C-alpha atoms as a PDB file:
ATOM      1  CA  SER A   1      79.472 128.831 172.835  1.00  0.00           C
ATOM      2  CA  LYS A   2      81.634 126.032 172.313  1.00  0.00           C
ATOM      3  CA  PRO A   3      81.370 123.097 174.987  1.00  0.00           C
ATOM      4  CA  GLU A   4      83.827 122.737 177.578  1.00  0.00           C
ATOM      5  CA  LYS A   5      85.018 119.265 178.703  1.00  0.00           C
ATOM      6  CA  ALA A   6      85.374 118.119 182.413  1.00  0.00           C
ATOM      7  CA  GLY A   7      86.219 114.405 182.656  1.00  0.00           C
ATOM      8  CA  ASN A   8      83.174 112.707 181.254  1.00  0.00           C
ATOM      9  CA  THR A   9      80.869 115.768 181.974  1.00  0.00           C
ATOM     10  CA  ARG A  10      79.733 117.806 179.021  1.00  0.00           C
ATOM     11  CA  ILE A  11      79.206 121.354 179.938  1.00  0.00           C
ATOM     12  CA  THR A  12      77.579 124.165 177.690  1.00  0.00           C
ATOM     13  CA  GLU A  13      76.157 127.279 178.644  1.00  0.00           C
ATOM     14  CA  ASN A  14      72.778 126.033 179.340  1.00  0.00           C
ATOM     15  CA  THR A  15      73.313 122.232 179.479  1.00  0.00           C
ATOM     16  CA  LEU A  16      74.756 120.075 182.175  1.00  0.00           C
ATOM     17  CA  GLN A  17      74.985 116.471 181.607  1.00  0.00           C
ATOM     18  CA  PHE A  18      76.836 114.186 184.062  1.00  0.00           C
ATOM     19  CA  THR A  19      77.631 110.620 184.201  1.00  0.00           C
ATOM     20  CA  PRO A  20      77.986 108.541 187.499  1.00  0.00           C
ATOM     21  CA  LYS A  21      81.699 108.658 187.344  1.00  0.00           C
ATOM     22  CA  ALA A  22      82.126 111.871 185.565  1.00  0.00           C
ATOM     23  CA  LEU A  23      84.183 114.036 187.997  1.00  0.00           C
ATOM     24  CA  PRO A  24      86.345 113.264 190.778  1.00  0.00           C
ATOM     25  CA  VAL A  25      84.633 113.334 194.407  1.00  0.00           C
ATOM     26  CA  PHE A  26      85.865 116.309 196.323  1.00  0.00           C
ATOM     27  CA  SER A  27      86.744 114.514 199.469  1.00  0.00           C
ATOM     28  CA  PRO A  28      86.775 110.813 200.726  1.00  0.00           C
ATOM     29  CA  LYS A  29      83.936 111.873 202.941  1.00  0.00           C
ATOM     30  CA  SER A  30      81.320 113.978 201.100  1.00  0.00           C
ATOM     31  CA  PRO A  31      80.050 117.074 202.848  1.00  0.00           C
ATOM     32  CA  LEU A  32      76.477 116.451 201.447  1.00  0.00           C
ATOM     33  CA  LYS A  33      73.703 114.828 203.625  1.00  0.00           C
ATOM     34  CA  ALA A  34      70.390 113.502 202.341  1.00  0.00           C
ATOM     35  CA  GLY A  35      67.109 115.040 204.004  1.00  0.00           C
ATOM     36  CA  ILE A  36      63.795 113.400 204.506  1.00  0.00           C
ATOM     37  CA  LEU A  37      63.186 110.654 202.037  1.00  0.00           C
ATOM     38  CA  ASN A  38      59.994 110.698 199.830  1.00  0.00           C
ATOM     39  CA  ASP A  39      57.775 107.952 198.912  1.00  0.00           C
ATOM     40  CA  ASP A  40      60.279 106.621 196.186  1.00  0.00           C
ATOM     41  CA  GLY A  41      63.177 106.532 198.708  1.00  0.00           C
ATOM     42  CA  ASN A  42      64.893 109.625 197.228  1.00  0.00           C
ATOM     43  CA  PRO A  43      65.878 112.444 199.497  1.00  0.00           C
ATOM     44  CA  SER A  44      63.362 115.476 199.038  1.00  0.00           C
ATOM     45  CA  TYR A  45      66.352 117.724 199.726  1.00  0.00           C
ATOM     46  CA  ILE A  46      70.105 117.504 200.096  1.00  0.00           C
ATOM     47  CA  GLU A  47      72.110 119.863 202.191  1.00  0.00           C
ATOM     48  CA  GLY A  48      75.877 120.417 202.639  1.00  0.00           C
ATOM     49  CA  LYS A  49      78.203 123.290 201.407  1.00  0.00           C
ATOM     50  CA  ILE A  50      80.614 122.845 198.681  1.00  0.00           C
ATOM     51  CA  ASP A  51      82.827 125.947 198.315  1.00  0.00           C
ATOM     52  CA  PHE A  52      84.274 126.851 194.775  1.00  0.00           C
ATOM     53  CA  THR A  53      85.799 130.202 195.945  1.00  0.00           C
ATOM     54  CA  SER A  54      89.445 129.181 195.206  1.00  0.00           C
ATOM     55  CA  LYS A  55      88.488 127.137 191.998  1.00  0.00           C
ATOM     56  CA  ASN A  56      87.649 130.006 189.608  1.00  0.00           C
ATOM     57  CA  LEU A  57      84.642 128.074 188.051  1.00  0.00           C
ATOM     58  CA  THR A  58      81.754 129.103 185.919  1.00  0.00           C
ATOM     59  CA  THR A  59      78.260 128.481 187.490  1.00  0.00           C
ATOM     60  CA  SER A  60      77.583 125.706 185.151  1.00  0.00           C
ATOM     61  CA  GLU A  61      80.860 124.003 186.289  1.00  0.00           C
ATOM     62  CA  MET A  62      80.016 124.564 189.901  1.00  0.00           C
ATOM     63  CA  VAL A  63      76.477 123.054 189.388  1.00  0.00           C
ATOM     64  CA  SER A  64      77.996 120.193 187.461  1.00  0.00           C
ATOM     65  CA  LEU A  65      80.425 119.445 190.378  1.00  0.00           C
ATOM     66  CA  TYR A  66      77.809 119.647 193.037  1.00  0.00           C
ATOM     67  CA  LEU A  67      75.400 117.293 191.012  1.00  0.00           C
ATOM     68  CA  SER A  68      78.343 114.913 190.509  1.00  0.00           C
ATOM     69  CA  GLU A  69      78.923 114.940 194.184  1.00  0.00           C
ATOM     70  CA  ALA A  70      75.228 114.523 195.162  1.00  0.00           C
ATOM     71  CA  ARG A  71      74.387 111.862 192.466  1.00  0.00           C
ATOM     72  CA  THR A  72      74.898 108.864 195.004  1.00  0.00           C
ATOM     73  CA  LEU A  73      72.574 110.496 197.510  1.00  0.00           C
ATOM     74  CA  MET A  74      70.023 111.232 194.712  1.00  0.00           C
ATOM     75  CA  ASN A  75      70.221 107.521 193.791  1.00  0.00           C
ATOM     76  CA  ILE A  76      71.209 108.400 190.156  1.00  0.00           C
ATOM     77  CA  ASP A  77      73.245 105.731 188.516  1.00  0.00           C
ATOM     78  CA  GLN A  78      72.129 106.079 184.919  1.00  0.00           C
ATOM     79  CA  ASN A  79      74.237 107.537 182.036  1.00  0.00           C
ATOM     80  CA  ASN A  80      71.103 108.711 180.224  1.00  0.00           C
ATOM     81  CA  ILE A  81      69.811 111.000 183.038  1.00  0.00           C
ATOM     82  CA  GLN A  82      70.661 114.738 182.291  1.00  0.00           C
ATOM     83  CA  PHE A  83      69.726 118.039 183.840  1.00  0.00           C
ATOM     84  CA  LEU A  84      69.242 121.076 181.749  1.00  0.00           C
ATOM     85  CA  MET A  85      69.662 124.588 183.451  1.00  0.00           C
ATOM     86  CA  SER A  86      66.487 126.494 182.819  1.00  0.00           C
ATOM     87  CA  GLY A  87      67.264 129.518 184.747  1.00  0.00           C
ATOM     88  CA  LYS A  88      69.226 131.362 187.504  1.00  0.00           C
ATOM     89  CA  ASN A  89      68.523 134.309 189.704  1.00  0.00           C
ATOM     90  CA  THR A  90      69.657 135.898 192.689  1.00  0.00           C
ATOM     91  CA  ASP A  91      67.329 136.943 195.201  1.00  0.00           C
ATOM     92  CA  ASP A  92      67.292 140.203 197.510  1.00  0.00           C
ATOM     93  CA  LEU A  93      69.369 138.415 200.195  1.00  0.00           C
ATOM     94  CA  GLY A  94      72.129 137.559 197.789  1.00  0.00           C
ATOM     95  CA  ILE A  95      71.229 133.816 197.559  1.00  0.00           C
ATOM     96  CA  GLN A  96      71.663 132.240 194.089  1.00  0.00           C
ATOM     97  CA  HIS A  97      68.827 129.749 192.841  1.00  0.00           C
ATOM     98  CA  VAL A  98      69.636 127.575 189.694  1.00  0.00           C
ATOM     99  CA  LYS A  99      66.780 125.673 188.359  1.00  0.00           C
ATOM    100  CA  LEU A 100      67.505 122.532 186.425  1.00  0.00           C
ATOM    101  CA  LEU A 101      65.099 120.403 184.328  1.00  0.00           C
ATOM    102  CA  GLN A 102      65.461 116.619 184.177  1.00  0.00           C
ATOM    103  CA  TYR A 103      65.892 114.876 180.732  1.00  0.00           C
ATOM    104  CA  TYR A 104      65.983 111.222 179.881  1.00  0.00           C
ATOM    105  CA  LYS A 105      67.619 110.501 176.493  1.00  0.00           C
ATOM    106  CA  ASN A 106      67.241 114.036 175.469  1.00  0.00           C
ATOM    107  CA  ILE A 107      63.423 113.861 176.331  1.00  0.00           C
ATOM    108  CA  PRO A 108      62.307 116.342 179.202  1.00  0.00           C
ATOM    109  CA  VAL A 109      60.731 114.301 182.150  1.00  0.00           C
ATOM    110  CA  PHE A 110      57.433 115.864 183.025  1.00  0.00           C
ATOM    111  CA  GLY A 111      57.262 117.558 186.436  1.00  0.00           C
ATOM    112  CA  CYS A 112      61.013 116.967 187.308  1.00  0.00           C
ATOM    113  CA  GLU A 113      62.917 119.916 188.360  1.00  0.00           C
ATOM    114  CA  VAL A 114      65.623 120.494 190.856  1.00  0.00           C
ATOM    115  CA  ILE A 115      66.958 123.843 192.356  1.00  0.00           C
ATOM    116  CA  LEU A 116      70.348 124.419 193.693  1.00  0.00           C
ATOM    117  CA  HIS A 117      70.786 127.207 196.260  1.00  0.00           C
ATOM    118  CA  GLY A 118      73.915 128.995 197.553  1.00  0.00           C
ATOM    119  CA  GLU A 119      75.948 132.084 197.708  1.00  0.00           C
ATOM    120  CA  ASN A 120      79.307 133.592 197.374  1.00  0.00           C
ATOM    121  CA  ASP A 121      80.545 130.839 195.057  1.00  0.00           C
ATOM    122  CA  ALA A 122      79.229 128.008 197.095  1.00  0.00           C
ATOM    123  CA  PHE A 123      76.224 125.783 196.876  1.00  0.00           C
ATOM    124  CA  ASP A 124      74.574 124.418 200.056  1.00  0.00           C
ATOM    125  CA  PHE A 125      71.137 123.057 199.302  1.00  0.00           C
ATOM    126  CA  LEU A 126      69.344 121.139 196.582  1.00  0.00           C
ATOM    127  CA  ASN A 127      65.701 120.466 196.543  1.00  0.00           C
ATOM    128  CA  GLY A 128      62.930 119.467 193.959  1.00  0.00           C
ATOM    129  CA  ASN A 129      61.425 116.535 192.095  1.00  0.00           C
ATOM    130  CA  TYR A 130      63.256 114.033 190.068  1.00  0.00           C
ATOM    131  CA  ILE A 131      63.108 110.363 189.052  1.00  0.00           C
ATOM    132  CA  SER A 132      66.246 108.409 189.946  1.00  0.00           C
ATOM    133  CA  ARG A 133      65.839 105.288 188.044  1.00  0.00           C
ATOM    134  CA  ILE A 134      64.057 105.105 184.781  1.00  0.00           C
ATOM    135  CA  PRO A 135      63.556 101.835 183.123  1.00  0.00           C
ATOM    136  CA  ASP A 136      65.094 101.634 179.590  1.00  0.00           C
ATOM    137  CA  ILE A 137      62.482 103.147 177.481  1.00  0.00           C
ATOM    138  CA  ASN A 138      62.545 103.159 173.674  1.00  0.00           C
ATOM    139  CA  VAL A 139      62.203 107.029 172.971  1.00  0.00           C
ATOM    140  CA  VAL A 140      61.922 106.752 169.134  1.00  0.00           C
ATOM    141  CA  PRO A 141      58.263 107.097 167.931  1.00  0.00           C
ATOM    142  CA  ASP A 142      56.750 103.990 166.294  1.00  0.00           C
ATOM    143  CA  ILE A 143      54.607 106.131 163.981  1.00  0.00           C
ATOM    144  CA  GLU A 144      55.967 108.725 161.687  1.00  0.00           C
ATOM    145  CA  LEU A 145      53.727 111.699 160.835  1.00  0.00           C
ATOM    146  CA  SER A 146      54.297 113.700 157.614  1.00  0.00           C
ATOM    147  CA  LEU A 147      54.095 117.298 158.196  1.00  0.00           C
ATOM    148  CA  ILE A 148      52.894 117.783 154.692  1.00  0.00           C
ATOM    149  CA  HIS A 149      49.720 115.877 155.257  1.00  0.00           C
ATOM    150  CA  ILE A 150      49.101 117.596 158.579  1.00  0.00           C
ATOM    151  CA  SER A 151      49.344 121.034 157.198  1.00  0.00           C
ATOM    152  CA  GLU A 152      47.107 120.473 154.074  1.00  0.00           C
ATOM    153  CA  PRO A 153      43.745 121.663 154.695  1.00  0.00           C
ATOM    154  CA  THR A 154      40.900 119.254 154.433  1.00  0.00           C
ATOM    155  CA  ARG A 155      38.680 119.722 151.399  1.00  0.00           C
ATOM    156  CA  PRO A 156      35.082 118.552 151.248  1.00  0.00           C
ATOM    157  CA  TYR A 157      34.198 116.828 148.023  1.00  0.00           C
END
């Protein structure tokens, strides 16, 4: 599907990328609150309801807006941190769960996943593991490998 644009946030069917000032904040006072802080000083969860009922938005757009609102509490201030939607489901109680994997410069960050929870066109809880500040890392490999040489069988002489 063709990507939609919302401010500086790029939205595709499975990808959500937000920048620190991508979308306007819903209100002067955010409805979101940070939970218990982990060893890195980041909240292990964020709670607070953002209701999207009257906005007629897709799930991707609602997730992007919630993350944009939560970015300050998550201590994320880098443009090169992205979240990729890896799945969504609705449980027997009608609560929707959207899983997002963290990426840095289009590279997956091992072990980093957040989950948004909510129902009836509203999200009210985010939890998971993520890294809020990643040092500027060169993600271009220093060694180039030739696939031709890797795929050639070794022959004894």
